[in-house]
PDB file of N, CA and C in Angstrom:
ATOM      1  N   MET A   1       0.842  -1.172   0.000  1.00  0.00           N
ATOM      2  CA  MET A   1       0.000   0.000   0.000  1.00  0.00           C
ATOM      3  C   MET A   1       0.888   1.235   0.000  1.00  0.00           C
ATOM      4  N   THR A   2       0.494   2.238  -0.765  1.00  0.00           N
ATOM      5  CA  THR A   2       1.274   3.466  -0.830  1.00  0.00           C
ATOM      6  C   THR A   2       0.985   4.343   0.378  1.00  0.00           C
ATOM      7  N   SER A   3       1.878   5.298   0.623  1.00  0.00           N
ATOM      8  CA  SER A   3       1.699   6.180   1.772  1.00  0.00           C
ATOM      9  C   SER A   3       0.709   7.299   1.498  1.00  0.00           C
ATOM     10  N   GLN A   4       0.347   7.481   0.241  1.00  0.00           N
ATOM     11  CA  GLN A   4      -0.591   8.536  -0.147  1.00  0.00           C
ATOM     12  C   GLN A   4      -1.801   7.929  -0.855  1.00  0.00           C
ATOM     13  N   PRO A   5      -2.971   8.535  -0.687  1.00  0.00           N
ATOM     14  CA  PRO A   5      -4.154   8.041  -1.401  1.00  0.00           C
ATOM     15  C   PRO A   5      -3.971   8.173  -2.915  1.00  0.00           C
ATOM     16  N   PRO A   6      -4.645   7.341  -3.683  1.00  0.00           N
ATOM     17  CA  PRO A   6      -4.512   7.394  -5.140  1.00  0.00           C
ATOM     18  C   PRO A   6      -5.223   8.598  -5.747  1.00  0.00           C
ATOM     19  N   ASP A   7      -4.818   8.946  -6.942  1.00  0.00           N
ATOM     20  CA  ASP A   7      -5.502   9.954  -7.767  1.00  0.00           C
ATOM     21  C   ASP A   7      -5.633  11.312  -7.087  1.00  0.00           C
ATOM     22  N   GLY A   8      -4.710  11.653  -6.196  1.00  0.00           N
ATOM     23  CA  GLY A   8      -4.755  12.952  -5.548  1.00  0.00           C
ATOM     24  C   GLY A   8      -5.890  13.125  -4.552  1.00  0.00           C
ATOM     25  N   LEU A   9      -6.516  12.023  -4.140  1.00  0.00           N
ATOM     26  CA  LEU A   9      -7.598  12.104  -3.164  1.00  0.00           C
ATOM     27  C   LEU A   9      -7.043  12.532  -1.812  1.00  0.00           C
ATOM     28  N   PRO A  10      -7.863  13.203  -0.986  1.00  0.00           N
ATOM     29  CA  PRO A  10      -7.383  13.607   0.337  1.00  0.00           C
ATOM     30  C   PRO A  10      -7.270  12.423   1.281  1.00  0.00           C
ATOM     31  N   ALA A  11      -6.459  12.590   2.323  1.00  0.00           N
ATOM     32  CA  ALA A  11      -6.277  11.527   3.310  1.00  0.00           C
ATOM     33  C   ALA A  11      -7.533  11.318   4.146  1.00  0.00           C
ATOM     34  N   TYR A  12      -8.303  12.388   4.349  1.00  0.00           N
ATOM     35  CA  TYR A  12      -9.555  12.313   5.118  1.00  0.00           C
ATOM     36  C   TYR A  12     -10.710  12.626   4.181  1.00  0.00           C
ATOM     37  N   ARG A  13     -11.731  11.793   4.232  1.00  0.00           N
ATOM     38  CA  ARG A  13     -12.921  12.047   3.406  1.00  0.00           C
ATOM     39  C   ARG A  13     -14.159  11.806   4.254  1.00  0.00           C
ATOM     40  N   LEU A  14     -15.128  12.685   4.129  1.00  0.00           N
ATOM     41  CA  LEU A  14     -16.415  12.499   4.773  1.00  0.00           C
ATOM     42  C   LEU A  14     -17.419  12.247   3.664  1.00  0.00           C
ATOM     43  N   LEU A  15     -17.851  11.011   3.562  1.00  0.00           N
ATOM     44  CA  LEU A  15     -18.812  10.624   2.538  1.00  0.00           C
ATOM     45  C   LEU A  15     -20.213  10.851   3.094  1.00  0.00           C
ATOM     46  N   THR A  16     -21.047  11.530   2.331  1.00  0.00           N
ATOM     47  CA  THR A  16     -22.412  11.813   2.768  1.00  0.00           C
ATOM     48  C   THR A  16     -23.369  11.531   1.628  1.00  0.00           C
ATOM     49  N   GLY A  17     -24.622  11.310   1.980  1.00  0.00           N
ATOM     50  CA  GLY A  17     -25.634  11.126   0.951  1.00  0.00           C
ATOM     51  C   GLY A  17     -26.868  10.447   1.493  1.00  0.00           C
ATOM     52  N   LYS A  18     -27.825  10.306   0.616  1.00  0.00           N
ATOM     53  CA  LYS A  18     -29.052   9.591   0.933  1.00  0.00           C
ATOM     54  C   LYS A  18     -28.706   8.152   1.309  1.00  0.00           C
ATOM     55  N   ASP A  19     -29.386   7.622   2.303  1.00  0.00           N
ATOM     56  CA  ASP A  19     -29.127   6.249   2.749  1.00  0.00           C
ATOM     57  C   ASP A  19     -29.712   5.275   1.734  1.00  0.00           C
ATOM     58  N   ASP A  20     -28.893   4.918   0.760  1.00  0.00           N
ATOM     59  CA  ASP A  20     -29.343   3.999  -0.287  1.00  0.00           C
ATOM     60  C   ASP A  20     -28.154   3.157  -0.764  1.00  0.00           C
ATOM     61  N   ALA A  21     -28.408   2.323  -1.730  1.00  0.00           N
ATOM     62  CA  ALA A  21     -27.359   1.428  -2.240  1.00  0.00           C
ATOM     63  C   ALA A  21     -26.201   2.207  -2.849  1.00  0.00           C
ATOM     64  N   ALA A  22     -26.480   3.345  -3.469  1.00  0.00           N
ATOM     65  CA  ALA A  22     -25.414   4.146  -4.079  1.00  0.00           C
ATOM     66  C   ALA A  22     -24.439   4.649  -3.018  1.00  0.00           C
ATOM     67  N   PHE A  23     -24.959   5.080  -1.866  1.00  0.00           N
ATOM     68  CA  PHE A  23     -24.080   5.513  -0.784  1.00  0.00           C
ATOM     69  C   PHE A  23     -23.236   4.350  -0.286  1.00  0.00           C
ATOM     70  N   CYS A  24     -23.859   3.213  -0.080  1.00  0.00           N
ATOM     71  CA  CYS A  24     -23.121   2.029   0.384  1.00  0.00           C
ATOM     72  C   CYS A  24     -22.017   1.654  -0.598  1.00  0.00           C
ATOM     73  N   ARG A  25     -22.283   1.782  -1.902  1.00  0.00           N
ATOM     74  CA  ARG A  25     -21.258   1.503  -2.904  1.00  0.00           C
ATOM     75  C   ARG A  25     -20.107   2.496  -2.799  1.00  0.00           C
ATOM     76  N   ARG A  26     -20.401   3.775  -2.536  1.00  0.00           N
ATOM     77  CA  ARG A  26     -19.344   4.780  -2.407  1.00  0.00           C
ATOM     78  C   ARG A  26     -18.430   4.452  -1.234  1.00  0.00           C
ATOM     79  N   VAL A  27     -19.021   4.044  -0.111  1.00  0.00           N
ATOM     80  CA  VAL A  27     -18.203   3.651   1.047  1.00  0.00           C
ATOM     81  C   VAL A  27     -17.404   2.398   0.697  1.00  0.00           C
ATOM     82  N   SER A  28     -18.049   1.424   0.085  1.00  0.00           N
ATOM     83  CA  SER A  28     -17.355   0.185  -0.302  1.00  0.00           C
ATOM     84  C   SER A  28     -16.216   0.463  -1.271  1.00  0.00           C
ATOM     85  N   ASP A  29     -16.426   1.368  -2.214  1.00  0.00           N
ATOM     86  CA  ASP A  29     -15.370   1.732  -3.164  1.00  0.00           C
ATOM     87  C   ASP A  29     -14.179   2.360  -2.446  1.00  0.00           C
ATOM     88  N   ALA A  30     -14.448   3.226  -1.465  1.00  0.00           N
ATOM     89  CA  ALA A  30     -13.360   3.840  -0.702  1.00  0.00           C
ATOM     90  C   ALA A  30     -12.578   2.774   0.062  1.00  0.00           C
ATOM     91  N   LEU A  31     -13.288   1.819   0.648  1.00  0.00           N
ATOM     92  CA  LEU A  31     -12.609   0.737   1.369  1.00  0.00           C
ATOM     93  C   LEU A  31     -11.772  -0.109   0.408  1.00  0.00           C
ATOM     94  N   ALA A  32     -12.288  -0.356  -0.786  1.00  0.00           N
ATOM     95  CA  ALA A  32     -11.548  -1.144  -1.774  1.00  0.00           C
ATOM     96  C   ALA A  32     -10.276  -0.424  -2.229  1.00  0.00           C
ATOM     97  N   LEU A  33     -10.292   0.922  -2.211  1.00  0.00           N
ATOM     98  CA  LEU A  33      -9.092   1.687  -2.567  1.00  0.00           C
ATOM     99  C   LEU A  33      -8.020   1.604  -1.491  1.00  0.00           C
ATOM    100  N   GLY A  34      -8.433   1.286  -0.262  1.00  0.00           N
ATOM    101  CA  GLY A  34      -7.472   1.191   0.827  1.00  0.00           C
ATOM    102  C   GLY A  34      -7.784   2.074   2.019  1.00  0.00           C
ATOM    103  N   TYR A  35      -8.844   2.889   1.915  1.00  0.00           N
ATOM    104  CA  TYR A  35      -9.256   3.701   3.055  1.00  0.00           C
ATOM    105  C   TYR A  35      -9.784   2.797   4.162  1.00  0.00           C
ATOM    106  N   VAL A  36      -9.786   3.313   5.390  1.00  0.00           N
ATOM    107  CA  VAL A  36     -10.370   2.586   6.516  1.00  0.00           C
ATOM    108  C   VAL A  36     -11.423   3.477   7.164  1.00  0.00           C
ATOM    109  N   LEU A  37     -12.423   2.831   7.765  1.00  0.00           N
ATOM    110  CA  LEU A  37     -13.476   3.575   8.434  1.00  0.00           C
ATOM    111  C   LEU A  37     -12.889   4.352   9.604  1.00  0.00           C
ATOM    112  N   TYR A  38     -13.420   5.537   9.832  1.00  0.00           N
ATOM    113  CA  TYR A  38     -12.980   6.371  10.942  1.00  0.00           C
ATOM    114  C   TYR A  38     -14.220   6.797  11.724  1.00  0.00           C
ATOM    115  N   GLY A  39     -14.381   6.254  12.896  1.00  0.00           N
ATOM    116  CA  GLY A  39     -15.543   6.591  13.707  1.00  0.00           C
ATOM    117  C   GLY A  39     -16.799   5.876  13.243  1.00  0.00           C
ATOM    118  N   SER A  40     -17.864   6.204  13.927  1.00  0.00           N
ATOM    119  CA  SER A  40     -19.159   5.597  13.631  1.00  0.00           C
ATOM    120  C   SER A  40     -19.890   6.395  12.557  1.00  0.00           C
ATOM    121  N   PRO A  41     -20.782   5.753  11.821  1.00  0.00           N
ATOM    122  CA  PRO A  41     -21.591   6.502  10.867  1.00  0.00           C
ATOM    123  C   PRO A  41     -22.580   7.398  11.608  1.00  0.00           C
ATOM    124  N   ALA A  42     -23.046   8.417  10.925  1.00  0.00           N
ATOM    125  CA  ALA A  42     -24.059   9.320  11.476  1.00  0.00           C
ATOM    126  C   ALA A  42     -25.252   9.320  10.533  1.00  0.00           C
ATOM    127  N   ALA A  43     -26.432   9.551  11.098  1.00  0.00           N
ATOM    128  CA  ALA A  43     -27.648   9.589  10.278  1.00  0.00           C
ATOM    129  C   ALA A  43     -28.570  10.689  10.791  1.00  0.00           C
ATOM    130  N   THR A  44     -29.273  11.297   9.867  1.00  0.00           N
ATOM    131  CA  THR A  44     -30.273  12.301  10.209  1.00  0.00           C
ATOM    132  C   THR A  44     -31.397  12.217   9.192  1.00  0.00           C
ATOM    133  N   PHE A  45     -32.494  12.874   9.485  1.00  0.00           N
ATOM    134  CA  PHE A  45     -33.640  12.883   8.580  1.00  0.00           C
ATOM    135  C   PHE A  45     -33.862  14.315   8.132  1.00  0.00           C
ATOM    136  N   ASN A  46     -33.921  14.552   6.843  1.00  0.00           N
ATOM    137  CA  ASN A  46     -34.069  15.911   6.333  1.00  0.00           C
ATOM    138  C   ASN A  46     -35.516  16.264   5.978  1.00  0.00           C
ATOM    139  N   GLY A  47     -36.459  15.461   6.416  1.00  0.00           N
ATOM    140  CA  GLY A  47     -37.857  15.703   6.102  1.00  0.00           C
ATOM    141  C   GLY A  47     -38.340  14.920   4.894  1.00  0.00           C
ATOM    142  N   ILE A  48     -37.396  14.402   4.135  1.00  0.00           N
ATOM    143  CA  ILE A  48     -37.747  13.622   2.941  1.00  0.00           C
ATOM    144  C   ILE A  48     -37.160  12.215   3.025  1.00  0.00           C
ATOM    145  N   HIS A  49     -35.877  12.146   3.334  1.00  0.00           N
ATOM    146  CA  HIS A  49     -35.218  10.849   3.443  1.00  0.00           C
ATOM    147  C   HIS A  49     -34.109  10.902   4.489  1.00  0.00           C
ATOM    148  N   VAL A  50     -33.583   9.748   4.827  1.00  0.00           N
ATOM    149  CA  VAL A  50     -32.469   9.646   5.774  1.00  0.00           C
ATOM    150  C   VAL A  50     -31.177   9.988   5.034  1.00  0.00           C
ATOM    151  N   VAL A  51     -30.386  10.857   5.633  1.00  0.00           N
ATOM    152  CA  VAL A  51     -29.085  11.243   5.101  1.00  0.00           C
ATOM    153  C   VAL A  51     -28.031  10.674   6.048  1.00  0.00           C
ATOM    154  N   VAL A  52     -27.020  10.038   5.484  1.00  0.00           N
ATOM    155  CA  VAL A  52     -25.985   9.390   6.280  1.00  0.00           C
ATOM    156  C   VAL A  52     -24.612   9.972   5.962  1.00  0.00           C
ATOM    157  N   ALA A  53     -23.702   9.776   6.901  1.00  0.00           N
ATOM    158  CA  ALA A  53     -22.322  10.227   6.724  1.00  0.00           C
ATOM    159  C   ALA A  53     -21.386   9.184   7.317  1.00  0.00           C
ATOM    160  N   GLN A  54     -20.268   8.981   6.644  1.00  0.00           N
ATOM    161  CA  GLN A  54     -19.242   8.078   7.150  1.00  0.00           C
ATOM    162  C   GLN A  54     -17.884   8.662   6.798  1.00  0.00           C
ATOM    163  N   ALA A  55     -17.045   8.847   7.813  1.00  0.00           N
ATOM    164  CA  ALA A  55     -15.688   9.323   7.583  1.00  0.00           C
ATOM    165  C   ALA A  55     -14.793   8.129   7.271  1.00  0.00           C
ATOM    166  N   VAL A  56     -13.862   8.348   6.354  1.00  0.00           N
ATOM    167  CA  VAL A  56     -12.832   7.361   6.034  1.00  0.00           C
ATOM    168  C   VAL A  56     -11.497   8.088   6.004  1.00  0.00           C
ATOM    169  N   VAL A  57     -10.433   7.380   6.371  1.00  0.00           N
ATOM    170  CA  VAL A  57      -9.092   7.960   6.346  1.00  0.00           C
ATOM    171  C   VAL A  57      -8.137   7.004   5.648  1.00  0.00           C
ATOM    172  N   TRP A  58      -7.114   7.582   5.085  1.00  0.00           N
ATOM    173  CA  TRP A  58      -6.042   6.778   4.517  1.00  0.00           C
ATOM    174  C   TRP A  58      -5.228   6.243   5.693  1.00  0.00           C
ATOM    175  N   PRO A  59      -4.859   4.982   5.707  1.00  0.00           N
ATOM    176  CA  PRO A  59      -4.223   4.379   6.890  1.00  0.00           C
ATOM    177  C   PRO A  59      -3.053   5.152   7.465  1.00  0.00           C
ATOM    178  N   SER A  60      -2.182   5.708   6.660  1.00  0.00           N
ATOM    179  CA  SER A  60      -1.037   6.430   7.195  1.00  0.00           C
ATOM    180  C   SER A  60      -1.467   7.737   7.871  1.00  0.00           C
ATOM    181  N   ALA A  61      -2.646   8.246   7.544  1.00  0.00           N
ATOM    182  CA  ALA A  61      -3.137   9.499   8.132  1.00  0.00           C
ATOM    183  C   ALA A  61      -3.748   9.269   9.505  1.00  0.00           C
ATOM    184  N   SER A  62      -4.085   8.021   9.845  1.00  0.00           N
ATOM    185  CA  SER A  62      -4.764   7.751  11.105  1.00  0.00           C
ATOM    186  C   SER A  62      -3.782   7.529  12.256  1.00  0.00           C
ATOM    187  N   ARG A  63      -2.508   7.647  12.002  1.00  0.00           N
ATOM    188  CA  ARG A  63      -1.496   7.419  13.047  1.00  0.00           C
ATOM    189  C   ARG A  63      -1.144   8.699  13.754  1.00  0.00           C
TER     190      ARG A  63
END
């Protein structure tokens, strides 16, 4: 694994979106790139749908 995230991505990312399969795929894609989960997911309701957030970090950034 490289010490830097690929494609110029930041070491810390907060993924947010509607709680659906597309959001889950975005988190899964980040994990497949080598990111690791950081903290617990968060959820809120915006009056229409549930919005979720999950932070991910590049492993060398979490030290």
